[in-house]
Amino acid sequence: MADATNVMLAGTNGLGKTMLACNHAHQALQGAIPGLFTFSATDMLGRADCAP
């Protein structure tokens, strides 16, 4: 958490990626680190606050 780096989780169904992502985001938000949770890269790139 101290580095505030980006994280991308990939894998097959049923590995716990969503649970891990939710827990990671929750921990970051408790430390006042902003977070963004999307289900696809298209969703993320379509957000105005994420545009380059």
PDB file of N, CA and C in Angstrom:
ATOM      1  N   MET A   1       0.813  -1.210   0.000  1.00  0.00           N
ATOM      2  CA  MET A   1       0.000   0.000   0.000  1.00  0.00           C
ATOM      3  C   MET A   1       0.852   1.267   0.000  1.00  0.00           C
ATOM      4  N   ALA A   2       1.988   1.227   0.602  1.00  0.00           N
ATOM      5  CA  ALA A   2       2.800   2.441   0.722  1.00  0.00           C
ATOM      6  C   ALA A   2       3.231   2.982  -0.636  1.00  0.00           C
ATOM      7  N   ASP A   3       3.401   2.104  -1.636  1.00  0.00           N
ATOM      8  CA  ASP A   3       3.831   2.546  -2.954  1.00  0.00           C
ATOM      9  C   ASP A   3       2.699   3.114  -3.788  1.00  0.00           C
ATOM     10  N   ALA A   4       1.459   2.767  -3.482  1.00  0.00           N
ATOM     11  CA  ALA A   4       0.270   3.218  -4.226  1.00  0.00           C
ATOM     12  C   ALA A   4       0.397   2.900  -5.711  1.00  0.00           C
ATOM     13  N   THR A   5       0.861   1.688  -6.028  1.00  0.00           N
ATOM     14  CA  THR A   5       1.011   1.276  -7.417  1.00  0.00           C
ATOM     15  C   THR A   5      -0.286   0.678  -7.944  1.00  0.00           C
ATOM     16  N   ASN A   6      -0.409   0.628  -9.261  1.00  0.00           N
ATOM     17  CA  ASN A   6      -1.578   0.028  -9.898  1.00  0.00           C
ATOM     18  C   ASN A   6      -1.499  -1.489  -9.796  1.00  0.00           C
ATOM     19  N   VAL A   7      -2.661  -2.111  -9.756  1.00  0.00           N
ATOM     20  CA  VAL A   7      -2.740  -3.565  -9.665  1.00  0.00           C
ATOM     21  C   VAL A   7      -3.729  -4.068 -10.700  1.00  0.00           C
ATOM     22  N   MET A   8      -3.357  -5.122 -11.420  1.00  0.00           N
ATOM     23  CA  MET A   8      -4.277  -5.775 -12.341  1.00  0.00           C
ATOM     24  C   MET A   8      -4.259  -7.261 -12.019  1.00  0.00           C
ATOM     25  N   LEU A   9      -5.440  -7.837 -11.816  1.00  0.00           N
ATOM     26  CA  LEU A   9      -5.556  -9.255 -11.510  1.00  0.00           C
ATOM     27  C   LEU A   9      -6.129  -9.972 -12.721  1.00  0.00           C
ATOM     28  N   ALA A  10      -5.536 -11.083 -13.084  1.00  0.00           N
ATOM     29  CA  ALA A  10      -6.005 -11.869 -14.219  1.00  0.00           C
ATOM     30  C   ALA A  10      -5.952 -13.341 -13.852  1.00  0.00           C
ATOM     31  N   GLY A  11      -6.880 -14.113 -14.379  1.00  0.00           N
ATOM     32  CA  GLY A  11      -6.897 -15.546 -14.124  1.00  0.00           C
ATOM     33  C   GLY A  11      -8.237 -16.134 -14.501  1.00  0.00           C
ATOM     34  N   THR A  12      -8.343 -17.433 -14.330  1.00  0.00           N
ATOM     35  CA  THR A  12      -9.577 -18.124 -14.674  1.00  0.00           C
ATOM     36  C   THR A  12     -10.648 -17.901 -13.614  1.00  0.00           C
ATOM     37  N   ASN A  13     -11.848 -18.357 -13.914  1.00  0.00           N
ATOM     38  CA  ASN A  13     -12.982 -18.211 -12.991  1.00  0.00           C
ATOM     39  C   ASN A  13     -12.733 -18.955 -11.681  1.00  0.00           C
ATOM     40  N   GLY A  14     -13.228 -18.374 -10.600  1.00  0.00           N
ATOM     41  CA  GLY A  14     -13.233 -19.058  -9.323  1.00  0.00           C
ATOM     42  C   GLY A  14     -11.961 -18.986  -8.506  1.00  0.00           C
ATOM     43  N   LEU A  15     -11.030 -18.120  -8.874  1.00  0.00           N
ATOM     44  CA  LEU A  15      -9.776 -18.023  -8.128  1.00  0.00           C
ATOM     45  C   LEU A  15      -9.823 -17.021  -6.983  1.00  0.00           C
ATOM     46  N   GLY A  16     -10.856 -16.165  -6.955  1.00  0.00           N
ATOM     47  CA  GLY A  16     -10.969 -15.168  -5.893  1.00  0.00           C
ATOM     48  C   GLY A  16     -10.424 -13.800  -6.268  1.00  0.00           C
ATOM     49  N   LYS A  17     -10.325 -13.510  -7.557  1.00  0.00           N
ATOM     50  CA  LYS A  17      -9.810 -12.217  -8.011  1.00  0.00           C
ATOM     51  C   LYS A  17     -10.672 -11.059  -7.524  1.00  0.00           C
ATOM     52  N   THR A  18     -11.974 -11.206  -7.626  1.00  0.00           N
ATOM     53  CA  THR A  18     -12.876 -10.125  -7.219  1.00  0.00           C
ATOM     54  C   THR A  18     -12.780  -9.877  -5.724  1.00  0.00           C
ATOM     55  N   MET A  19     -12.741 -10.926  -4.936  1.00  0.00           N
ATOM     56  CA  MET A  19     -12.613 -10.768  -3.483  1.00  0.00           C
ATOM     57  C   MET A  19     -11.287 -10.108  -3.132  1.00  0.00           C
ATOM     58  N   LEU A  20     -10.232 -10.536  -3.770  1.00  0.00           N
ATOM     59  CA  LEU A  20      -8.921  -9.945  -3.520  1.00  0.00           C
ATOM     60  C   LEU A  20      -8.906  -8.469  -3.919  1.00  0.00           C
ATOM     61  N   ALA A  21      -9.501  -8.147  -5.067  1.00  0.00           N
ATOM     62  CA  ALA A  21      -9.557  -6.756  -5.527  1.00  0.00           C
ATOM     63  C   ALA A  21     -10.369  -5.886  -4.574  1.00  0.00           C
ATOM     64  N   CYS A  22     -11.497  -6.390  -4.117  1.00  0.00           N
ATOM     65  CA  CYS A  22     -12.334  -5.628  -3.171  1.00  0.00           C
ATOM     66  C   CYS A  22     -11.600  -5.385  -1.859  1.00  0.00           C
ATOM     67  N   ASN A  23     -10.925  -6.401  -1.361  1.00  0.00           N
ATOM     68  CA  ASN A  23     -10.178  -6.243  -0.110  1.00  0.00           C
ATOM     69  C   ASN A  23      -9.010  -5.273  -0.283  1.00  0.00           C
ATOM     70  N   HIS A  24      -8.343  -5.352  -1.417  1.00  0.00           N
ATOM     71  CA  HIS A  24      -7.228  -4.457  -1.696  1.00  0.00           C
ATOM     72  C   HIS A  24      -7.716  -3.008  -1.794  1.00  0.00           C
ATOM     73  N   ALA A  25      -8.813  -2.796  -2.522  1.00  0.00           N
ATOM     74  CA  ALA A  25      -9.384  -1.447  -2.658  1.00  0.00           C
ATOM     75  C   ALA A  25      -9.862  -0.918  -1.316  1.00  0.00           C
ATOM     76  N   HIS A  26     -10.483  -1.755  -0.531  1.00  0.00           N
ATOM     77  CA  HIS A  26     -10.960  -1.333   0.797  1.00  0.00           C
ATOM     78  C   HIS A  26      -9.789  -0.879   1.668  1.00  0.00           C
ATOM     79  N   GLN A  27      -8.705  -1.651   1.655  1.00  0.00           N
ATOM     80  CA  GLN A  27      -7.514  -1.292   2.434  1.00  0.00           C
ATOM     81  C   GLN A  27      -6.927   0.028   1.943  1.00  0.00           C
ATOM     82  N   ALA A  28      -6.875   0.219   0.630  1.00  0.00           N
ATOM     83  CA  ALA A  28      -6.337   1.464   0.071  1.00  0.00           C
ATOM     84  C   ALA A  28      -7.202   2.657   0.461  1.00  0.00           C
ATOM     85  N   LEU A  29      -8.508   2.505   0.352  1.00  0.00           N
ATOM     86  CA  LEU A  29      -9.410   3.609   0.687  1.00  0.00           C
ATOM     87  C   LEU A  29      -9.336   3.979   2.159  1.00  0.00           C
ATOM     88  N   GLN A  30      -9.104   3.009   3.009  1.00  0.00           N
ATOM     89  CA  GLN A  30      -8.937   3.315   4.437  1.00  0.00           C
ATOM     90  C   GLN A  30      -7.687   4.158   4.670  1.00  0.00           C
ATOM     91  N   GLY A  31      -6.700   4.001   3.792  1.00  0.00           N
ATOM     92  CA  GLY A  31      -5.478   4.786   3.895  1.00  0.00           C
ATOM     93  C   GLY A  31      -5.508   6.053   3.059  1.00  0.00           C
ATOM     94  N   ALA A  32      -6.685   6.451   2.617  1.00  0.00           N
ATOM     95  CA  ALA A  32      -6.902   7.667   1.820  1.00  0.00           C
ATOM     96  C   ALA A  32      -6.194   7.598   0.467  1.00  0.00           C
ATOM     97  N   ILE A  33      -5.985   6.401  -0.059  1.00  0.00           N
ATOM     98  CA  ILE A  33      -5.448   6.228  -1.407  1.00  0.00           C
ATOM     99  C   ILE A  33      -6.639   6.033  -2.340  1.00  0.00           C
ATOM    100  N   PRO A  34      -6.782   6.868  -3.371  1.00  0.00           N
ATOM    101  CA  PRO A  34      -7.944   6.723  -4.255  1.00  0.00           C
ATOM    102  C   PRO A  34      -7.904   5.394  -5.006  1.00  0.00           C
ATOM    103  N   GLY A  35      -9.073   4.862  -5.296  1.00  0.00           N
ATOM    104  CA  GLY A  35      -9.154   3.594  -5.995  1.00  0.00           C
ATOM    105  C   GLY A  35     -10.222   3.620  -7.075  1.00  0.00           C
ATOM    106  N   LEU A  36     -10.063   2.743  -8.052  1.00  0.00           N
ATOM    107  CA  LEU A  36     -11.027   2.594  -9.126  1.00  0.00           C
ATOM    108  C   LEU A  36     -11.199   1.116  -9.390  1.00  0.00           C
ATOM    109  N   PHE A  37     -12.436   0.637  -9.337  1.00  0.00           N
ATOM    110  CA  PHE A  37     -12.732  -0.769  -9.577  1.00  0.00           C
ATOM    111  C   PHE A  37     -13.578  -0.868 -10.820  1.00  0.00           C
ATOM    112  N   THR A  38     -13.056  -1.519 -11.855  1.00  0.00           N
ATOM    113  CA  THR A  38     -13.798  -1.723 -13.097  1.00  0.00           C
ATOM    114  C   THR A  38     -13.746  -3.192 -13.471  1.00  0.00           C
ATOM    115  N   PHE A  39     -14.663  -3.601 -14.320  1.00  0.00           N
ATOM    116  CA  PHE A  39     -14.700  -4.986 -14.754  1.00  0.00           C
ATOM    117  C   PHE A  39     -13.991  -5.205 -16.083  1.00  0.00           C
ATOM    118  N   SER A  40     -13.619  -4.123 -16.769  1.00  0.00           N
ATOM    119  CA  SER A  40     -12.905  -4.287 -18.034  1.00  0.00           C
ATOM    120  C   SER A  40     -12.068  -3.047 -18.313  1.00  0.00           C
ATOM    121  N   ALA A  41     -11.081  -3.212 -19.168  1.00  0.00           N
ATOM    122  CA  ALA A  41     -10.243  -2.082 -19.564  1.00  0.00           C
ATOM    123  C   ALA A  41     -11.070  -1.037 -20.309  1.00  0.00           C
ATOM    124  N   THR A  42     -12.063  -1.472 -21.062  1.00  0.00           N
ATOM    125  CA  THR A  42     -12.928  -0.542 -21.789  1.00  0.00           C
ATOM    126  C   THR A  42     -13.661   0.369 -20.813  1.00  0.00           C
ATOM    127  N   ASP A  43     -14.163  -0.187 -19.721  1.00  0.00           N
ATOM    128  CA  ASP A  43     -14.832   0.623 -18.701  1.00  0.00           C
ATOM    129  C   ASP A  43     -13.876   1.658 -18.133  1.00  0.00           C
ATOM    130  N   MET A  44     -12.666   1.234 -17.826  1.00  0.00           N
ATOM    131  CA  MET A  44     -11.685   2.122 -17.224  1.00  0.00           C
ATOM    132  C   MET A  44     -11.288   3.239 -18.195  1.00  0.00           C
ATOM    133  N   LEU A  45     -11.016   2.878 -19.439  1.00  0.00           N
ATOM    134  CA  LEU A  45     -10.578   3.879 -20.414  1.00  0.00           C
ATOM    135  C   LEU A  45     -11.679   4.845 -20.802  1.00  0.00           C
ATOM    136  N   GLY A  46     -12.936   4.458 -20.627  1.00  0.00           N
ATOM    137  CA  GLY A  46     -14.057   5.315 -20.959  1.00  0.00           C
ATOM    138  C   GLY A  46     -14.354   6.373 -19.903  1.00  0.00           C
ATOM    139  N   ARG A  47     -13.695   6.289 -18.760  1.00  0.00           N
ATOM    140  CA  ARG A  47     -13.946   7.264 -17.696  1.00  0.00           C
ATOM    141  C   ARG A  47     -13.143   8.544 -17.949  1.00  0.00           C
ATOM    142  N   ALA A  48     -13.791   9.695 -17.819  1.00  0.00           N
ATOM    143  CA  ALA A  48     -13.134  10.973 -18.078  1.00  0.00           C
ATOM    144  C   ALA A  48     -11.995  11.228 -17.080  1.00  0.00           C
ATOM    145  N   ASP A  49     -12.147  10.786 -15.839  1.00  0.00           N
ATOM    146  CA  ASP A  49     -11.118  11.061 -14.838  1.00  0.00           C
ATOM    147  C   ASP A  49      -9.896  10.155 -14.987  1.00  0.00           C
ATOM    148  N   CYS A  50      -9.943   9.206 -15.907  1.00  0.00           N
ATOM    149  CA  CYS A  50      -8.805   8.312 -16.160  1.00  0.00           C
ATOM    150  C   CYS A  50      -8.154   8.594 -17.504  1.00  0.00           C
ATOM    151  N   ALA A  51      -8.687   9.533 -18.238  1.00  0.00           N
ATOM    152  CA  ALA A  51      -8.163   9.818 -19.570  1.00  0.00           C
ATOM    153  C   ALA A  51      -6.785  10.473 -19.457  1.00  0.00           C
ATOM    154  N   PRO A  52      -5.886  10.129 -20.395  1.00  0.00           N
ATOM    155  CA  PRO A  52      -4.527  10.741 -20.365  1.00  0.00           C
ATOM    156  C   PRO A  52      -4.547  12.213 -20.679  1.00  0.00           C
TER     157      PRO A  52
END
